[in-house]
Amino acid sequence: MCRNIKTLRPPVLPGEATDDDIRAAALQYVRKVSGFRAPAAHNREAFDAAVDAVARATAELLGALEVRGRTRPK
């Protein structure tokens, strides 16, 4: 498992993070925290729910951040 989750905010990532970028980071985070690359069937629902929750929180965070030198879209 990779130790680092890719930074998604500008200017590190040129342009805006896509839904796929956000989902991949959320999946990597949940894998790291849970210790499972792929959960057993009896843990799949909880694992997937955690990925969804982390992806939502990540999208909210990226949408709320103010990056110096950039104006937030209205």
PDB file of N, CA and C in Angstrom:
ATOM      1  N   MET A   1       0.836  -1.189   0.000  1.00  0.00           N
ATOM      2  CA  MET A   1       0.000   0.000   0.000  1.00  0.00           C
ATOM      3  C   MET A   1       0.874   1.244   0.000  1.00  0.00           C
ATOM      4  N   CYS A   2       0.474   2.215  -0.737  1.00  0.00           N
ATOM      5  CA  CYS A   2       1.193   3.479  -0.800  1.00  0.00           C
ATOM      6  C   CYS A   2       1.024   4.243   0.513  1.00  0.00           C
ATOM      7  N   ARG A   3       2.064   4.948   0.925  1.00  0.00           N
ATOM      8  CA  ARG A   3       1.983   5.712   2.168  1.00  0.00           C
ATOM      9  C   ARG A   3       1.334   7.067   1.975  1.00  0.00           C
ATOM     10  N   ASN A   4       1.438   7.618   0.790  1.00  0.00           N
ATOM     11  CA  ASN A   4       0.974   8.981   0.566  1.00  0.00           C
ATOM     12  C   ASN A   4      -0.242   9.014  -0.345  1.00  0.00           C
ATOM     13  N   ILE A   5      -1.182   9.845   0.039  1.00  0.00           N
ATOM     14  CA  ILE A   5      -2.347  10.092  -0.803  1.00  0.00           C
ATOM     15  C   ILE A   5      -2.048  11.365  -1.579  1.00  0.00           C
ATOM     16  N   LYS A   6      -2.284  11.345  -2.866  1.00  0.00           N
ATOM     17  CA  LYS A   6      -1.971  12.474  -3.737  1.00  0.00           C
ATOM     18  C   LYS A   6      -2.726  13.730  -3.307  1.00  0.00           C
ATOM     19  N   THR A   7      -2.011  14.864  -3.270  1.00  0.00           N
ATOM     20  CA  THR A   7      -2.648  16.150  -2.983  1.00  0.00           C
ATOM     21  C   THR A   7      -3.525  16.535  -4.167  1.00  0.00           C
ATOM     22  N   LEU A   8      -4.758  16.932  -3.878  1.00  0.00           N
ATOM     23  CA  LEU A   8      -5.720  17.203  -4.946  1.00  0.00           C
ATOM     24  C   LEU A   8      -5.996  18.687  -5.164  1.00  0.00           C
ATOM     25  N   ARG A   9      -5.521  19.547  -4.272  1.00  0.00           N
ATOM     26  CA  ARG A   9      -5.856  20.953  -4.430  1.00  0.00           C
ATOM     27  C   ARG A   9      -4.852  21.648  -5.350  1.00  0.00           C
ATOM     28  N   PRO A  10      -5.312  22.677  -6.061  1.00  0.00           N
ATOM     29  CA  PRO A  10      -4.379  23.486  -6.846  1.00  0.00           C
ATOM     30  C   PRO A  10      -3.440  24.220  -5.896  1.00  0.00           C
ATOM     31  N   PRO A  11      -2.251  24.539  -6.226  1.00  0.00           N
ATOM     32  CA  PRO A  11      -1.614  24.342  -7.529  1.00  0.00           C
ATOM     33  C   PRO A  11      -0.936  22.986  -7.686  1.00  0.00           C
ATOM     34  N   VAL A  12      -1.002  22.121  -6.702  1.00  0.00           N
ATOM     35  CA  VAL A  12      -0.348  20.819  -6.814  1.00  0.00           C
ATOM     36  C   VAL A  12      -0.941  20.025  -7.976  1.00  0.00           C
ATOM     37  N   LEU A  13      -2.236  19.991  -8.080  1.00  0.00           N
ATOM     38  CA  LEU A  13      -2.916  19.334  -9.190  1.00  0.00           C
ATOM     39  C   LEU A  13      -3.398  20.427 -10.122  1.00  0.00           C
ATOM     40  N   PRO A  14      -2.808  20.496 -11.326  1.00  0.00           N
ATOM     41  CA  PRO A  14      -3.259  21.558 -12.243  1.00  0.00           C
ATOM     42  C   PRO A  14      -4.748  21.392 -12.548  1.00  0.00           C
ATOM     43  N   GLY A  15      -5.466  22.474 -12.524  1.00  0.00           N
ATOM     44  CA  GLY A  15      -6.911  22.407 -12.759  1.00  0.00           C
ATOM     45  C   GLY A  15      -7.625  21.928 -11.515  1.00  0.00           C
ATOM     46  N   GLU A  16      -8.797  21.391 -11.698  1.00  0.00           N
ATOM     47  CA  GLU A  16      -9.629  20.940 -10.584  1.00  0.00           C
ATOM     48  C   GLU A  16      -9.587  19.423 -10.487  1.00  0.00           C
ATOM     49  N   ALA A  17      -9.709  18.932  -9.274  1.00  0.00           N
ATOM     50  CA  ALA A  17      -9.767  17.482  -9.057  1.00  0.00           C
ATOM     51  C   ALA A  17     -11.073  16.951  -9.632  1.00  0.00           C
ATOM     52  N   THR A  18     -10.993  15.851 -10.339  1.00  0.00           N
ATOM     53  CA  THR A  18     -12.189  15.228 -10.901  1.00  0.00           C
ATOM     54  C   THR A  18     -12.831  14.323  -9.855  1.00  0.00           C
ATOM     55  N   ASP A  19     -14.049  13.905 -10.119  1.00  0.00           N
ATOM     56  CA  ASP A  19     -14.716  12.946  -9.230  1.00  0.00           C
ATOM     57  C   ASP A  19     -13.897  11.657  -9.116  1.00  0.00           C
ATOM     58  N   ASP A  20     -13.273  11.249 -10.229  1.00  0.00           N
ATOM     59  CA  ASP A  20     -12.434  10.043 -10.213  1.00  0.00           C
ATOM     60  C   ASP A  20     -11.205  10.234  -9.326  1.00  0.00           C
ATOM     61  N   ASP A  21     -10.585  11.425  -9.377  1.00  0.00           N
ATOM     62  CA  ASP A  21      -9.431  11.723  -8.518  1.00  0.00           C
ATOM     63  C   ASP A  21      -9.834  11.644  -7.043  1.00  0.00           C
ATOM     64  N   ILE A  22     -10.978  12.237  -6.729  1.00  0.00           N
ATOM     65  CA  ILE A  22     -11.461  12.271  -5.345  1.00  0.00           C
ATOM     66  C   ILE A  22     -11.793  10.863  -4.869  1.00  0.00           C
ATOM     67  N   ARG A  23     -12.465  10.093  -5.688  1.00  0.00           N
ATOM     68  CA  ARG A  23     -12.836   8.706  -5.319  1.00  0.00           C
ATOM     69  C   ARG A  23     -11.588   7.849  -5.121  1.00  0.00           C
ATOM     70  N   ALA A  24     -10.586   8.005  -5.975  1.00  0.00           N
ATOM     71  CA  ALA A  24      -9.351   7.226  -5.851  1.00  0.00           C
ATOM     72  C   ALA A  24      -8.628   7.552  -4.545  1.00  0.00           C
ATOM     73  N   ALA A  25      -8.596   8.834  -4.187  1.00  0.00           N
ATOM     74  CA  ALA A  25      -7.961   9.227  -2.927  1.00  0.00           C
ATOM     75  C   ALA A  25      -8.740   8.672  -1.739  1.00  0.00           C
ATOM     76  N   ALA A  26     -10.070   8.714  -1.806  1.00  0.00           N
ATOM     77  CA  ALA A  26     -10.906   8.180  -0.729  1.00  0.00           C
ATOM     78  C   ALA A  26     -10.691   6.675  -0.577  1.00  0.00           C
ATOM     79  N   LEU A  27     -10.633   5.972  -1.689  1.00  0.00           N
ATOM     80  CA  LEU A  27     -10.407   4.530  -1.656  1.00  0.00           C
ATOM     81  C   LEU A  27      -9.047   4.221  -1.037  1.00  0.00           C
ATOM     82  N   GLN A  28      -8.028   4.972  -1.422  1.00  0.00           N
ATOM     83  CA  GLN A  28      -6.692   4.750  -0.879  1.00  0.00           C
ATOM     84  C   GLN A  28      -6.688   4.996   0.634  1.00  0.00           C
ATOM     85  N   TYR A  29      -7.369   6.041   1.068  1.00  0.00           N
ATOM     86  CA  TYR A  29      -7.446   6.352   2.496  1.00  0.00           C
ATOM     87  C   TYR A  29      -8.131   5.224   3.276  1.00  0.00           C
ATOM     88  N   VAL A  30      -9.272   4.764   2.783  1.00  0.00           N
ATOM     89  CA  VAL A  30     -10.019   3.714   3.481  1.00  0.00           C
ATOM     90  C   VAL A  30      -9.224   2.406   3.490  1.00  0.00           C
ATOM     91  N   ARG A  31      -8.536   2.117   2.399  1.00  0.00           N
ATOM     92  CA  ARG A  31      -7.679   0.928   2.381  1.00  0.00           C
ATOM     93  C   ARG A  31      -6.600   1.017   3.451  1.00  0.00           C
ATOM     94  N   LYS A  32      -5.989   2.181   3.560  1.00  0.00           N
ATOM     95  CA  LYS A  32      -4.914   2.368   4.533  1.00  0.00           C
ATOM     96  C   LYS A  32      -5.436   2.233   5.958  1.00  0.00           C
ATOM     97  N   VAL A  33      -6.531   2.904   6.253  1.00  0.00           N
ATOM     98  CA  VAL A  33      -7.076   2.899   7.611  1.00  0.00           C
ATOM     99  C   VAL A  33      -7.594   1.514   7.999  1.00  0.00           C
ATOM    100  N   SER A  34      -8.268   0.846   7.071  1.00  0.00           N
ATOM    101  CA  SER A  34      -8.863  -0.453   7.388  1.00  0.00           C
ATOM    102  C   SER A  34      -7.851  -1.591   7.345  1.00  0.00           C
ATOM    103  N   GLY A  35      -6.788  -1.406   6.590  1.00  0.00           N
ATOM    104  CA  GLY A  35      -5.819  -2.483   6.421  1.00  0.00           C
ATOM    105  C   GLY A  35      -6.228  -3.499   5.379  1.00  0.00           C
ATOM    106  N   PHE A  36      -7.321  -3.231   4.667  1.00  0.00           N
ATOM    107  CA  PHE A  36      -7.807  -4.142   3.618  1.00  0.00           C
ATOM    108  C   PHE A  36      -7.626  -3.505   2.249  1.00  0.00           C
ATOM    109  N   ARG A  37      -7.014  -4.249   1.330  1.00  0.00           N
ATOM    110  CA  ARG A  37      -6.990  -3.780  -0.049  1.00  0.00           C
ATOM    111  C   ARG A  37      -8.367  -4.007  -0.656  1.00  0.00           C
ATOM    112  N   ALA A  38      -8.913  -5.162  -0.364  1.00  0.00           N
ATOM    113  CA  ALA A  38     -10.283  -5.504  -0.775  1.00  0.00           C
ATOM    114  C   ALA A  38     -10.914  -6.236   0.412  1.00  0.00           C
ATOM    115  N   PRO A  39     -12.005  -5.724   0.935  1.00  0.00           N
ATOM    116  CA  PRO A  39     -12.600  -6.344   2.121  1.00  0.00           C
ATOM    117  C   PRO A  39     -13.319  -7.649   1.789  1.00  0.00           C
ATOM    118  N   ALA A  40     -13.482  -8.475   2.807  1.00  0.00           N
ATOM    119  CA  ALA A  40     -14.294  -9.687   2.666  1.00  0.00           C
ATOM    120  C   ALA A  40     -15.741  -9.276   2.408  1.00  0.00           C
ATOM    121  N   ALA A  41     -16.500 -10.190   1.890  1.00  0.00           N
ATOM    122  CA  ALA A  41     -17.893  -9.902   1.532  1.00  0.00           C
ATOM    123  C   ALA A  41     -18.678  -9.333   2.712  1.00  0.00           C
ATOM    124  N   HIS A  42     -18.434  -9.831   3.911  1.00  0.00           N
ATOM    125  CA  HIS A  42     -19.205  -9.364   5.069  1.00  0.00           C
ATOM    126  C   HIS A  42     -18.790  -7.952   5.510  1.00  0.00           C
ATOM    127  N   ASN A  43     -17.689  -7.434   4.986  1.00  0.00           N
ATOM    128  CA  ASN A  43     -17.264  -6.069   5.296  1.00  0.00           C
ATOM    129  C   ASN A  43     -17.445  -5.103   4.121  1.00  0.00           C
ATOM    130  N   ARG A  44     -17.881  -5.600   2.992  1.00  0.00           N
ATOM    131  CA  ARG A  44     -17.969  -4.793   1.766  1.00  0.00           C
ATOM    132  C   ARG A  44     -18.869  -3.573   1.940  1.00  0.00           C
ATOM    133  N   GLU A  45     -20.025  -3.728   2.531  1.00  0.00           N
ATOM    134  CA  GLU A  45     -20.974  -2.620   2.674  1.00  0.00           C
ATOM    135  C   GLU A  45     -20.366  -1.490   3.516  1.00  0.00           C
ATOM    136  N   ALA A  46     -19.753  -1.839   4.634  1.00  0.00           N
ATOM    137  CA  ALA A  46     -19.134  -0.828   5.499  1.00  0.00           C
ATOM    138  C   ALA A  46     -17.960  -0.155   4.794  1.00  0.00           C
ATOM    139  N   PHE A  47     -17.172  -0.938   4.079  1.00  0.00           N
ATOM    140  CA  PHE A  47     -16.021  -0.417   3.340  1.00  0.00           C
ATOM    141  C   PHE A  47     -16.482   0.582   2.274  1.00  0.00           C
ATOM    142  N   ASP A  48     -17.458   0.188   1.474  1.00  0.00           N
ATOM    143  CA  ASP A  48     -17.967   1.062   0.410  1.00  0.00           C
ATOM    144  C   ASP A  48     -18.611   2.331   0.975  1.00  0.00           C
ATOM    145  N   ALA A  49     -19.332   2.196   2.084  1.00  0.00           N
ATOM    146  CA  ALA A  49     -19.948   3.366   2.719  1.00  0.00           C
ATOM    147  C   ALA A  49     -18.868   4.336   3.202  1.00  0.00           C
ATOM    148  N   ALA A  50     -17.781   3.793   3.729  1.00  0.00           N
ATOM    149  CA  ALA A  50     -16.683   4.646   4.190  1.00  0.00           C
ATOM    150  C   ALA A  50     -16.037   5.373   3.012  1.00  0.00           C
ATOM    151  N   VAL A  51     -15.831   4.691   1.903  1.00  0.00           N
ATOM    152  CA  VAL A  51     -15.258   5.336   0.710  1.00  0.00           C
ATOM    153  C   VAL A  51     -16.173   6.466   0.246  1.00  0.00           C
ATOM    154  N   ASP A  52     -17.471   6.223   0.212  1.00  0.00           N
ATOM    155  CA  ASP A  52     -18.430   7.259  -0.196  1.00  0.00           C
ATOM    156  C   ASP A  52     -18.378   8.464   0.744  1.00  0.00           C
ATOM    157  N   ALA A  53     -18.335   8.204   2.050  1.00  0.00           N
ATOM    158  CA  ALA A  53     -18.312   9.294   3.034  1.00  0.00           C
ATOM    159  C   ALA A  53     -17.031  10.114   2.922  1.00  0.00           C
ATOM    160  N   VAL A  54     -15.900   9.447   2.759  1.00  0.00           N
ATOM    161  CA  VAL A  54     -14.624  10.158   2.627  1.00  0.00           C
ATOM    162  C   VAL A  54     -14.605  10.957   1.329  1.00  0.00           C
ATOM    163  N   ALA A  55     -15.140  10.401   0.253  1.00  0.00           N
ATOM    164  CA  ALA A  55     -15.184  11.127  -1.022  1.00  0.00           C
ATOM    165  C   ALA A  55     -16.049  12.385  -0.898  1.00  0.00           C
ATOM    166  N   ARG A  56     -17.197  12.277  -0.229  1.00  0.00           N
ATOM    167  CA  ARG A  56     -18.059  13.454  -0.022  1.00  0.00           C
ATOM    168  C   ARG A  56     -17.343  14.514   0.809  1.00  0.00           C
ATOM    169  N   ALA A  57     -16.711  14.093   1.891  1.00  0.00           N
ATOM    170  CA  ALA A  57     -15.997  15.038   2.758  1.00  0.00           C
ATOM    171  C   ALA A  57     -14.843  15.696   1.999  1.00  0.00           C
ATOM    172  N   THR A  58     -14.163  14.929   1.168  1.00  0.00           N
ATOM    173  CA  THR A  58     -13.053  15.471   0.376  1.00  0.00           C
ATOM    174  C   THR A  58     -13.550  16.506  -0.618  1.00  0.00           C
ATOM    175  N   ALA A  59     -14.644  16.209  -1.301  1.00  0.00           N
ATOM    176  CA  ALA A  59     -15.208  17.162  -2.262  1.00  0.00           C
ATOM    177  C   ALA A  59     -15.641  18.441  -1.559  1.00  0.00           C
ATOM    178  N   GLU A  60     -16.258  18.306  -0.384  1.00  0.00           N
ATOM    179  CA  GLU A  60     -16.660  19.491   0.391  1.00  0.00           C
ATOM    180  C   GLU A  60     -15.444  20.320   0.798  1.00  0.00           C
ATOM    181  N   LEU A  61     -14.406  19.649   1.262  1.00  0.00           N
ATOM    182  CA  LEU A  61     -13.189  20.344   1.671  1.00  0.00           C
ATOM    183  C   LEU A  61     -12.568  21.091   0.499  1.00  0.00           C
ATOM    184  N   LEU A  62     -12.402  20.415  -0.626  1.00  0.00           N
ATOM    185  CA  LEU A  62     -11.790  21.057  -1.789  1.00  0.00           C
ATOM    186  C   LEU A  62     -12.632  22.235  -2.279  1.00  0.00           C
ATOM    187  N   GLY A  63     -13.948  22.111  -2.180  1.00  0.00           N
ATOM    188  CA  GLY A  63     -14.827  23.197  -2.602  1.00  0.00           C
ATOM    189  C   GLY A  63     -14.777  24.407  -1.685  1.00  0.00           C
ATOM    190  N   ALA A  64     -14.411  24.188  -0.430  1.00  0.00           N
ATOM    191  CA  ALA A  64     -14.394  25.270   0.547  1.00  0.00           C
ATOM    192  C   ALA A  64     -13.032  25.944   0.705  1.00  0.00           C
ATOM    193  N   LEU A  65     -11.966  25.273   0.263  1.00  0.00           N
ATOM    194  CA  LEU A  65     -10.629  25.834   0.435  1.00  0.00           C
ATOM    195  C   LEU A  65     -10.428  27.077  -0.419  1.00  0.00           C
ATOM    196  N   GLU A  66      -9.729  28.034   0.147  1.00  0.00           N
ATOM    197  CA  GLU A  66      -9.315  29.211  -0.600  1.00  0.00           C
ATOM    198  C   GLU A  66      -7.815  29.110  -0.805  1.00  0.00           C
ATOM    199  N   VAL A  67      -7.402  29.080  -2.054  1.00  0.00           N
ATOM    200  CA  VAL A  67      -5.997  28.962  -2.402  1.00  0.00           C
ATOM    201  C   VAL A  67      -5.495  30.339  -2.795  1.00  0.00           C
ATOM    202  N   ARG A  68      -4.390  30.752  -2.188  1.00  0.00           N
ATOM    203  CA  ARG A  68      -3.839  32.076  -2.487  1.00  0.00           C
ATOM    204  C   ARG A  68      -3.604  32.239  -3.979  1.00  0.00           C
ATOM    205  N   GLY A  69      -3.971  33.402  -4.481  1.00  0.00           N
ATOM    206  CA  GLY A  69      -3.759  33.692  -5.899  1.00  0.00           C
ATOM    207  C   GLY A  69      -4.836  33.172  -6.815  1.00  0.00           C
ATOM    208  N   ARG A  70      -5.833  32.527  -6.239  1.00  0.00           N
ATOM    209  CA  ARG A  70      -6.951  32.006  -7.060  1.00  0.00           C
ATOM    210  C   ARG A  70      -8.252  32.499  -6.469  1.00  0.00           C
ATOM    211  N   THR A  71      -9.176  32.811  -7.334  1.00  0.00           N
ATOM    212  CA  THR A  71     -10.497  33.194  -6.848  1.00  0.00           C
ATOM    213  C   THR A  71     -11.381  31.963  -6.934  1.00  0.00           C
ATOM    214  N   ARG A  72     -12.241  31.805  -5.938  1.00  0.00           N
ATOM    215  CA  ARG A  72     -13.162  30.676  -5.937  1.00  0.00           C
ATOM    216  C   ARG A  72     -14.280  30.933  -6.936  1.00  0.00           C
ATOM    217  N   PRO A  73     -14.686  29.893  -7.672  1.00  0.00           N
ATOM    218  CA  PRO A  73     -15.814  30.056  -8.585  1.00  0.00           C
ATOM    219  C   PRO A  73     -17.072  30.381  -7.810  1.00  0.00           C
ATOM    220  N   LYS A  74     -17.911  31.221  -8.379  1.00  0.00           N
ATOM    221  CA  LYS A  74     -19.154  31.615  -7.708  1.00  0.00           C
ATOM    222  C   LYS A  74     -20.255  30.644  -8.019  1.00  0.00           C
TER     223      LYS A  74
END
